[in-house]
């Protein structure tokens, strides 16, 4: 129990310090808001472009890993272990409103690291590195605005990598029963 108390204390200290940076510079606040809320919307556009550039299996595998990690595993853990967001449970500067649902694990961190690790496993190293960097920036910004504690983000990173790895291990049956039928359907409707 002492170990978890130390983690909680460290989480709160890092959050309090990072959140105290808000309100000192309009440029910094705007950048953090963009990273925490809007940058994630570039990911579906990236996947669509990647799809049309010809790497359909890689794009679908990555999207599947990200979606399953985020909508499956992270949601399940969030319902089994409810941890309120720091913006709700601690004194904080509120730059952006977020509904007061679970904080642990970070959905964004889980999704982005599952996506990035899927590209890494597929041999797309440069793209995976960029996705990891984007994932780090988004994750850290979400700590600054009070949506997550640092341990929520770390747990999301680990969970995302783990789910991507599990799906990679099962890629042959997944390709046969999910990826290839989607590609065949896309070809019939002229989207592939």
C-alpha atoms as a PDB file:
ATOM      1  CA  UNK A   1       0.000   0.000   0.000  1.00  0.00           C
ATOM      2  CA  UNK A   2       2.888   2.333   0.716  1.00  0.00           C
ATOM      3  CA  UNK A   3       4.006   1.953  -2.903  1.00  0.00           C
ATOM      4  CA  UNK A   4       0.607   3.122  -4.214  1.00  0.00           C
ATOM      5  CA  UNK A   5       0.606   6.040  -1.788  1.00  0.00           C
ATOM      6  CA  UNK A   6       3.975   7.141  -3.188  1.00  0.00           C
ATOM      7  CA  UNK A   7       2.678   6.881  -6.753  1.00  0.00           C
ATOM      8  CA  UNK A   8      -0.417   8.895  -5.823  1.00  0.00           C
ATOM      9  CA  UNK A   9       1.710  11.573  -4.166  1.00  0.00           C
ATOM     10  CA  UNK A  10       4.050  11.730  -7.177  1.00  0.00           C
ATOM     11  CA  UNK A  11       1.057  11.886  -9.562  1.00  0.00           C
ATOM     12  CA  UNK A  12      -0.438  14.782  -7.653  1.00  0.00           C
ATOM     13  CA  UNK A  13       2.873  16.657  -7.459  1.00  0.00           C
ATOM     14  CA  UNK A  14       3.586  16.326 -11.186  1.00  0.00           C
ATOM     15  CA  UNK A  15       0.024  17.273 -12.059  1.00  0.00           C
ATOM     16  CA  UNK A  16       0.029  20.301  -9.730  1.00  0.00           C
ATOM     17  CA  UNK A  17       3.328  21.564 -11.121  1.00  0.00           C
ATOM     18  CA  UNK A  18       2.354  21.095 -14.772  1.00  0.00           C
ATOM     19  CA  UNK A  19      -1.124  22.557 -14.276  1.00  0.00           C
ATOM     20  CA  UNK A  20       0.394  25.626 -12.559  1.00  0.00           C
ATOM     21  CA  UNK A  21       2.035  26.517 -15.895  1.00  0.00           C
ATOM     22  CA  UNK A  22      -1.379  27.382 -17.353  1.00  0.00           C
ATOM     23  CA  UNK A  23      -2.486  30.984 -17.426  1.00  0.00           C
ATOM     24  CA  UNK A  24       1.008  32.450 -17.690  1.00  0.00           C
ATOM     25  CA  UNK A  25       1.188  32.640 -21.480  1.00  0.00           C
ATOM     26  CA  UNK A  26      -1.640  32.783 -23.996  1.00  0.00           C
ATOM     27  CA  UNK A  27       0.613  31.110 -26.585  1.00  0.00           C
ATOM     28  CA  UNK A  28       1.427  28.212 -24.233  1.00  0.00           C
ATOM     29  CA  UNK A  29      -2.237  27.817 -23.289  1.00  0.00           C
ATOM     30  CA  UNK A  30      -3.287  27.754 -26.948  1.00  0.00           C
ATOM     31  CA  UNK A  31      -0.593  25.200 -27.801  1.00  0.00           C
ATOM     32  CA  UNK A  32      -1.579  22.954 -24.886  1.00  0.00           C
ATOM     33  CA  UNK A  33      -5.249  23.221 -25.835  1.00  0.00           C
ATOM     34  CA  UNK A  34      -4.451  22.284 -29.445  1.00  0.00           C
ATOM     35  CA  UNK A  35      -2.339  19.306 -28.359  1.00  0.00           C
ATOM     36  CA  UNK A  36      -4.795  18.100 -25.694  1.00  0.00           C
ATOM     37  CA  UNK A  37      -7.966  18.369 -27.758  1.00  0.00           C
ATOM     38  CA  UNK A  38      -7.467  18.866 -31.480  1.00  0.00           C
ATOM     39  CA  UNK A  39      -4.291  17.099 -32.659  1.00  0.00           C
ATOM     40  CA  UNK A  40      -5.904  13.671 -32.210  1.00  0.00           C
ATOM     41  CA  UNK A  41      -8.278  14.513 -35.084  1.00  0.00           C
ATOM     42  CA  UNK A  42      -5.373  14.355 -37.527  1.00  0.00           C
ATOM     43  CA  UNK A  43      -4.977  10.614 -36.889  1.00  0.00           C
ATOM     44  CA  UNK A  44      -8.054   9.402 -38.849  1.00  0.00           C
ATOM     45  CA  UNK A  45      -6.987  11.646 -41.735  1.00  0.00           C
ATOM     46  CA  UNK A  46      -3.489  10.135 -41.579  1.00  0.00           C
ATOM     47  CA  UNK A  47      -4.943   6.589 -41.636  1.00  0.00           C
ATOM     48  CA  UNK A  48      -7.143   7.415 -44.634  1.00  0.00           C
ATOM     49  CA  UNK A  49      -4.185   8.860 -46.550  1.00  0.00           C
ATOM     50  CA  UNK A  50      -2.061   5.862 -45.599  1.00  0.00           C
ATOM     51  CA  UNK A  51      -4.839   3.548 -46.797  1.00  0.00           C
ATOM     52  CA  UNK A  52      -4.967   5.198 -50.216  1.00  0.00           C
ATOM     53  CA  UNK A  53      -1.168   5.162 -50.526  1.00  0.00           C
ATOM     54  CA  UNK A  54      -1.432   1.398 -50.683  1.00  0.00           C
ATOM     55  CA  UNK A  55      -0.592   0.004 -47.246  1.00  0.00           C
ATOM     56  CA  UNK A  56      -4.123  -1.143 -46.534  1.00  0.00           C
ATOM     57  CA  UNK A  57      -3.329  -4.069 -44.225  1.00  0.00           C
ATOM     58  CA  UNK A  58      -0.990  -1.997 -42.089  1.00  0.00           C
ATOM     59  CA  UNK A  59      -3.508   0.832 -41.796  1.00  0.00           C
ATOM     60  CA  UNK A  60      -6.338  -1.547 -40.895  1.00  0.00           C
ATOM     61  CA  UNK A  61      -4.255  -3.508 -38.391  1.00  0.00           C
ATOM     62  CA  UNK A  62      -3.203  -0.290 -36.701  1.00  0.00           C
ATOM     63  CA  UNK A  63      -6.757   1.059 -36.639  1.00  0.00           C
ATOM     64  CA  UNK A  64      -8.006  -2.245 -35.232  1.00  0.00           C
ATOM     65  CA  UNK A  65      -5.320  -2.280 -32.519  1.00  0.00           C
ATOM     66  CA  UNK A  66      -6.030   1.337 -31.586  1.00  0.00           C
ATOM     67  CA  UNK A  67      -9.784   0.868 -31.576  1.00  0.00           C
ATOM     68  CA  UNK A  68      -9.695  -2.347 -29.560  1.00  0.00           C
ATOM     69  CA  UNK A  69      -7.216  -0.922 -27.053  1.00  0.00           C
ATOM     70  CA  UNK A  70      -9.253   2.267 -26.632  1.00  0.00           C
ATOM     71  CA  UNK A  71     -12.863   1.110 -26.897  1.00  0.00           C
ATOM     72  CA  UNK A  72     -12.330  -2.357 -25.463  1.00  0.00           C
ATOM     73  CA  UNK A  73      -9.551  -2.662 -22.922  1.00  0.00           C
ATOM     74  CA  UNK A  74      -9.279   0.959 -21.701  1.00  0.00           C
ATOM     75  CA  UNK A  75     -13.047   1.322 -21.303  1.00  0.00           C
ATOM     76  CA  UNK A  76     -13.276  -1.983 -19.432  1.00  0.00           C
ATOM     77  CA  UNK A  77     -10.476  -1.027 -17.049  1.00  0.00           C
ATOM     78  CA  UNK A  78     -12.024   2.422 -16.573  1.00  0.00           C
ATOM     79  CA  UNK A  79     -15.309   0.838 -15.517  1.00  0.00           C
ATOM     80  CA  UNK A  80     -13.677  -1.719 -13.238  1.00  0.00           C
ATOM     81  CA  UNK A  81     -11.396   0.820 -11.544  1.00  0.00           C
ATOM     82  CA  UNK A  82     -12.851   4.311 -11.405  1.00  0.00           C
ATOM     83  CA  UNK A  83     -10.354   7.062 -10.773  1.00  0.00           C
ATOM     84  CA  UNK A  84     -11.696  10.612 -11.037  1.00  0.00           C
ATOM     85  CA  UNK A  85      -9.869  13.074 -13.241  1.00  0.00           C
ATOM     86  CA  UNK A  86      -7.451  15.440 -11.469  1.00  0.00           C
ATOM     87  CA  UNK A  87      -9.460  18.439 -12.702  1.00  0.00           C
ATOM     88  CA  UNK A  88     -12.363  17.063 -10.645  1.00  0.00           C
ATOM     89  CA  UNK A  89     -10.565  15.833  -7.535  1.00  0.00           C
ATOM     90  CA  UNK A  90      -7.787  18.413  -7.030  1.00  0.00           C
ATOM     91  CA  UNK A  91      -7.524  22.199  -7.060  1.00  0.00           C
ATOM     92  CA  UNK A  92      -6.663  23.044 -10.653  1.00  0.00           C
ATOM     93  CA  UNK A  93      -6.775  25.666 -13.365  1.00  0.00           C
ATOM     94  CA  UNK A  94      -9.411  24.644 -15.877  1.00  0.00           C
ATOM     95  CA  UNK A  95      -8.402  25.520 -19.411  1.00  0.00           C
ATOM     96  CA  UNK A  96     -10.799  23.099 -21.092  1.00  0.00           C
ATOM     97  CA  UNK A  97     -13.944  21.380 -19.824  1.00  0.00           C
ATOM     98  CA  UNK A  98     -14.027  17.594 -19.768  1.00  0.00           C
ATOM     99  CA  UNK A  99     -16.905  15.446 -18.566  1.00  0.00           C
ATOM    100  CA  UNK A 100     -16.097  13.961 -15.154  1.00  0.00           C
ATOM    101  CA  UNK A 101     -15.683  10.328 -16.194  1.00  0.00           C
ATOM    102  CA  UNK A 102     -12.770   7.981 -15.461  1.00  0.00           C
ATOM    103  CA  UNK A 103      -9.160   9.064 -15.691  1.00  0.00           C
ATOM    104  CA  UNK A 104      -7.381   5.686 -15.575  1.00  0.00           C
ATOM    105  CA  UNK A 105      -6.122   4.637 -18.067  1.00  0.00           C
ATOM    106  CA  UNK A 106      -5.822   7.445 -20.594  1.00  0.00           C
ATOM    107  CA  UNK A 107      -7.872   6.594 -23.688  1.00  0.00           C
ATOM    108  CA  UNK A 108      -5.790   8.879 -25.892  1.00  0.00           C
ATOM    109  CA  UNK A 109      -2.487   7.408 -24.708  1.00  0.00           C
ATOM    110  CA  UNK A 110      -3.830   3.872 -25.121  1.00  0.00           C
ATOM    111  CA  UNK A 111      -5.115   4.501 -28.645  1.00  0.00           C
ATOM    112  CA  UNK A 112      -2.045   6.362 -29.887  1.00  0.00           C
ATOM    113  CA  UNK A 113       0.504   3.918 -28.524  1.00  0.00           C
ATOM    114  CA  UNK A 114      -1.429   0.931 -29.885  1.00  0.00           C
ATOM    115  CA  UNK A 115      -1.443   2.634 -33.266  1.00  0.00           C
ATOM    116  CA  UNK A 116       2.243   3.581 -33.119  1.00  0.00           C
ATOM    117  CA  UNK A 117       3.359   0.139 -31.964  1.00  0.00           C
ATOM    118  CA  UNK A 118       1.303  -1.517 -34.702  1.00  0.00           C
ATOM    119  CA  UNK A 119       3.214   0.493 -37.289  1.00  0.00           C
ATOM    120  CA  UNK A 120       6.466  -0.371 -35.529  1.00  0.00           C
ATOM    121  CA  UNK A 121       5.694  -4.093 -35.642  1.00  0.00           C
ATOM    122  CA  UNK A 122       4.761  -3.798 -39.322  1.00  0.00           C
ATOM    123  CA  UNK A 123       8.250  -2.444 -40.046  1.00  0.00           C
ATOM    124  CA  UNK A 124       7.106   1.141 -40.579  1.00  0.00           C
ATOM    125  CA  UNK A 125       9.708   2.566 -38.187  1.00  0.00           C
ATOM    126  CA  UNK A 126       9.724   6.232 -39.278  1.00  0.00           C
ATOM    127  CA  UNK A 127       5.950   6.491 -39.146  1.00  0.00           C
ATOM    128  CA  UNK A 128       5.837   4.708 -35.796  1.00  0.00           C
ATOM    129  CA  UNK A 129       8.402   7.112 -34.317  1.00  0.00           C
ATOM    130  CA  UNK A 130       6.331  10.097 -35.433  1.00  0.00           C
ATOM    131  CA  UNK A 131       3.209   8.521 -33.965  1.00  0.00           C
ATOM    132  CA  UNK A 132       5.020   7.854 -30.673  1.00  0.00           C
ATOM    133  CA  UNK A 133       6.134  11.512 -30.553  1.00  0.00           C
ATOM    134  CA  UNK A 134       2.594  12.715 -31.276  1.00  0.00           C
ATOM    135  CA  UNK A 135       1.317  10.329 -28.602  1.00  0.00           C
ATOM    136  CA  UNK A 136       3.766  11.718 -26.061  1.00  0.00           C
ATOM    137  CA  UNK A 137       2.862  15.339 -26.839  1.00  0.00           C
ATOM    138  CA  UNK A 138      -0.868  14.658 -26.647  1.00  0.00           C
ATOM    139  CA  UNK A 139      -0.507  12.603 -23.459  1.00  0.00           C
ATOM    140  CA  UNK A 140       1.619  15.179 -21.650  1.00  0.00           C
ATOM    141  CA  UNK A 141      -0.708  18.004 -22.653  1.00  0.00           C
ATOM    142  CA  UNK A 142      -3.654  16.072 -21.228  1.00  0.00           C
ATOM    143  CA  UNK A 143      -1.811  15.862 -17.903  1.00  0.00           C
ATOM    144  CA  UNK A 144      -1.188  19.629 -17.988  1.00  0.00           C
ATOM    145  CA  UNK A 145      -4.889  20.436 -18.521  1.00  0.00           C
ATOM    146  CA  UNK A 146      -5.951  18.052 -15.751  1.00  0.00           C
ATOM    147  CA  UNK A 147      -7.589  15.278 -17.719  1.00  0.00           C
ATOM    148  CA  UNK A 148      -5.104  12.668 -16.465  1.00  0.00           C
ATOM    149  CA  UNK A 149      -2.466  11.911 -13.903  1.00  0.00           C
ATOM    150  CA  UNK A 150       0.958  10.829 -15.209  1.00  0.00           C
ATOM    151  CA  UNK A 151       0.305   7.226 -14.142  1.00  0.00           C
ATOM    152  CA  UNK A 152      -2.907   7.223 -16.238  1.00  0.00           C
ATOM    153  CA  UNK A 153      -0.804   8.081 -19.266  1.00  0.00           C
ATOM    154  CA  UNK A 154       1.906   5.539 -18.478  1.00  0.00           C
ATOM    155  CA  UNK A 155      -0.739   2.843 -18.022  1.00  0.00           C
ATOM    156  CA  UNK A 156      -2.275   3.848 -21.361  1.00  0.00           C
ATOM    157  CA  UNK A 157       1.080   3.594 -23.103  1.00  0.00           C
ATOM    158  CA  UNK A 158       1.714   0.128 -21.683  1.00  0.00           C
ATOM    159  CA  UNK A 159      -1.829  -1.037 -22.445  1.00  0.00           C
ATOM    160  CA  UNK A 160      -1.679   0.251 -26.026  1.00  0.00           C
ATOM    161  CA  UNK A 161       1.631  -1.483 -26.687  1.00  0.00           C
ATOM    162  CA  UNK A 162       0.356  -4.690 -25.103  1.00  0.00           C
ATOM    163  CA  UNK A 163      -2.846  -4.796 -27.191  1.00  0.00           C
ATOM    164  CA  UNK A 164      -0.938  -4.046 -30.412  1.00  0.00           C
ATOM    165  CA  UNK A 165       1.492  -6.847 -29.576  1.00  0.00           C
ATOM    166  CA  UNK A 166      -1.371  -9.295 -28.867  1.00  0.00           C
ATOM    167  CA  UNK A 167      -3.003  -8.490 -32.185  1.00  0.00           C
ATOM    168  CA  UNK A 168       0.329  -8.843 -33.947  1.00  0.00           C
ATOM    169  CA  UNK A 169       0.691 -12.334 -32.509  1.00  0.00           C
ATOM    170  CA  UNK A 170      -2.755 -13.184 -33.898  1.00  0.00           C
ATOM    171  CA  UNK A 171      -2.306 -11.344 -37.204  1.00  0.00           C
ATOM    172  CA  UNK A 172      -2.802 -14.359 -39.475  1.00  0.00           C
ATOM    173  CA  UNK A 173      -6.314 -15.263 -38.271  1.00  0.00           C
ATOM    174  CA  UNK A 174      -7.192 -11.575 -37.893  1.00  0.00           C
ATOM    175  CA  UNK A 175      -6.068 -10.929 -41.471  1.00  0.00           C
ATOM    176  CA  UNK A 176      -8.075 -13.900 -42.714  1.00  0.00           C
ATOM    177  CA  UNK A 177     -11.303 -13.157 -40.842  1.00  0.00           C
ATOM    178  CA  UNK A 178     -11.304  -9.358 -40.588  1.00  0.00           C
ATOM    179  CA  UNK A 179      -8.685  -7.454 -42.594  1.00  0.00           C
ATOM    180  CA  UNK A 180      -8.909  -9.260 -45.943  1.00  0.00           C
ATOM    181  CA  UNK A 181     -12.755  -9.232 -46.045  1.00  0.00           C
ATOM    182  CA  UNK A 182     -12.715  -5.479 -45.368  1.00  0.00           C
ATOM    183  CA  UNK A 183     -10.206  -4.945 -48.190  1.00  0.00           C
ATOM    184  CA  UNK A 184     -12.301  -7.098 -50.574  1.00  0.00           C
ATOM    185  CA  UNK A 185     -15.410  -5.103 -49.686  1.00  0.00           C
ATOM    186  CA  UNK A 186     -13.539  -1.829 -50.165  1.00  0.00           C
ATOM    187  CA  UNK A 187     -12.424  -2.960 -53.614  1.00  0.00           C
ATOM    188  CA  UNK A 188     -16.023  -3.777 -54.572  1.00  0.00           C
ATOM    189  CA  UNK A 189     -17.133  -0.266 -53.671  1.00  0.00           C
ATOM    190  CA  UNK A 190     -14.011   1.237 -55.279  1.00  0.00           C
ATOM    191  CA  UNK A 191     -12.383   2.456 -52.075  1.00  0.00           C
ATOM    192  CA  UNK A 192      -9.307   0.284 -52.453  1.00  0.00           C
END
